[in-house]
């Protein structure tokens, strides 16, 4: 997708880069890792919100319970 990306860090981002590179990690590696972590966190947050919405959906929970009962009946038979 992208080759080289250039950005101007604000004070918070600059401090974060100092912290992330203090052990000798390159800026490129630190930025790459931070982007991947941020994308994973966003995906987890979206999945968590979806799961919470489904858990709060009484109709969906009732349907799931019915499916489980039906499966148990099939297994017992």
Protein backbone atom coordinates (compact mmCIF):
# COMPACT_ATOMS: atom_id res chain seq x y z
CA UNK A 1 0.00 0.00 0.00
CA UNK A 2 2.19 2.86 1.24
CA UNK A 3 5.91 3.18 0.79
CA UNK A 4 7.23 5.88 3.03
CA UNK A 5 5.03 7.80 5.45
CA UNK A 6 6.06 11.13 6.89
CA UNK A 7 4.36 12.76 9.86
CA UNK A 8 4.96 15.56 12.31
CA UNK A 9 4.59 14.28 15.85
CA UNK A 10 3.05 16.57 18.43
CA UNK A 11 4.53 16.71 21.93
CA UNK A 12 2.63 13.62 23.15
CA UNK A 13 3.65 11.58 20.11
CA UNK A 14 7.25 12.72 20.42
CA UNK A 15 7.32 11.64 24.07
CA UNK A 16 5.79 8.30 23.09
CA UNK A 17 8.46 7.81 20.42
CA UNK A 18 11.18 8.55 22.96
CA UNK A 19 9.70 5.95 25.30
CA UNK A 20 9.24 3.38 22.53
CA UNK A 21 12.75 3.82 21.18
CA UNK A 22 14.62 4.15 24.50
CA UNK A 23 15.74 0.52 24.27
CA UNK A 24 17.27 1.03 20.82
CA UNK A 25 14.18 0.14 18.81
CA UNK A 26 14.15 2.10 15.57
CA UNK A 27 11.49 4.75 15.02
CA UNK A 28 10.19 2.79 12.01
CA UNK A 29 9.83 -0.39 14.05
CA UNK A 30 8.19 1.47 16.94
CA UNK A 31 5.70 3.22 14.66
CA UNK A 32 4.95 -0.01 12.81
CA UNK A 33 4.31 -1.88 16.07
CA UNK A 34 2.17 0.96 17.44
CA UNK A 35 0.01 0.99 14.30
CA UNK A 36 -0.52 -2.76 14.46
CA UNK A 37 -1.35 -2.57 18.17
CA UNK A 38 -3.80 0.29 17.57
CA UNK A 39 -5.53 -1.65 14.77
CA UNK A 40 -5.83 -4.76 16.97
CA UNK A 41 -7.18 -2.69 19.85
CA UNK A 42 -9.77 -1.09 17.58
CA UNK A 43 -10.85 -4.52 16.26
CA UNK A 44 -11.12 -5.89 19.82
CA UNK A 45 -13.17 -2.88 20.87
CA UNK A 46 -15.53 -3.37 17.93
CA UNK A 47 -15.90 -7.09 18.67
CA UNK A 48 -16.50 -6.38 22.35
CA UNK A 49 -19.20 -3.83 21.48
CA UNK A 50 -20.85 -6.31 19.12
CA UNK A 51 -20.76 -9.06 21.74
CA UNK A 52 -22.23 -6.74 24.36
CA UNK A 53 -25.00 -5.70 21.97
CA UNK A 54 -25.81 -9.35 21.24
CA UNK A 55 -25.74 -10.22 24.95
CA UNK A 56 -28.21 -7.42 25.62
CA UNK A 57 -30.54 -8.58 22.82
CA UNK A 58 -33.22 -10.62 24.60
CA UNK A 59 -34.66 -12.00 21.37
CA UNK A 60 -31.25 -13.19 20.17
CA UNK A 61 -30.54 -14.81 23.55
CA UNK A 62 -33.92 -16.57 23.47
CA UNK A 63 -33.22 -17.88 19.96
CA UNK A 64 -29.77 -19.10 21.00
CA UNK A 65 -31.27 -20.87 24.02
CA UNK A 66 -33.82 -22.54 21.77
CA UNK A 67 -31.11 -23.73 19.40
CA UNK A 68 -29.22 -25.22 22.35
CA UNK A 69 -32.36 -27.00 23.55
CA UNK A 70 -33.00 -28.33 20.03
CA UNK A 71 -29.42 -29.59 19.78
CA UNK A 72 -29.69 -31.30 23.15
CA UNK A 73 -32.89 -33.01 22.00
CA UNK A 74 -31.13 -34.24 18.85
CA UNK A 75 -28.17 -35.51 20.87
CA UNK A 76 -30.42 -37.34 23.33
CA UNK A 77 -32.36 -38.98 20.50
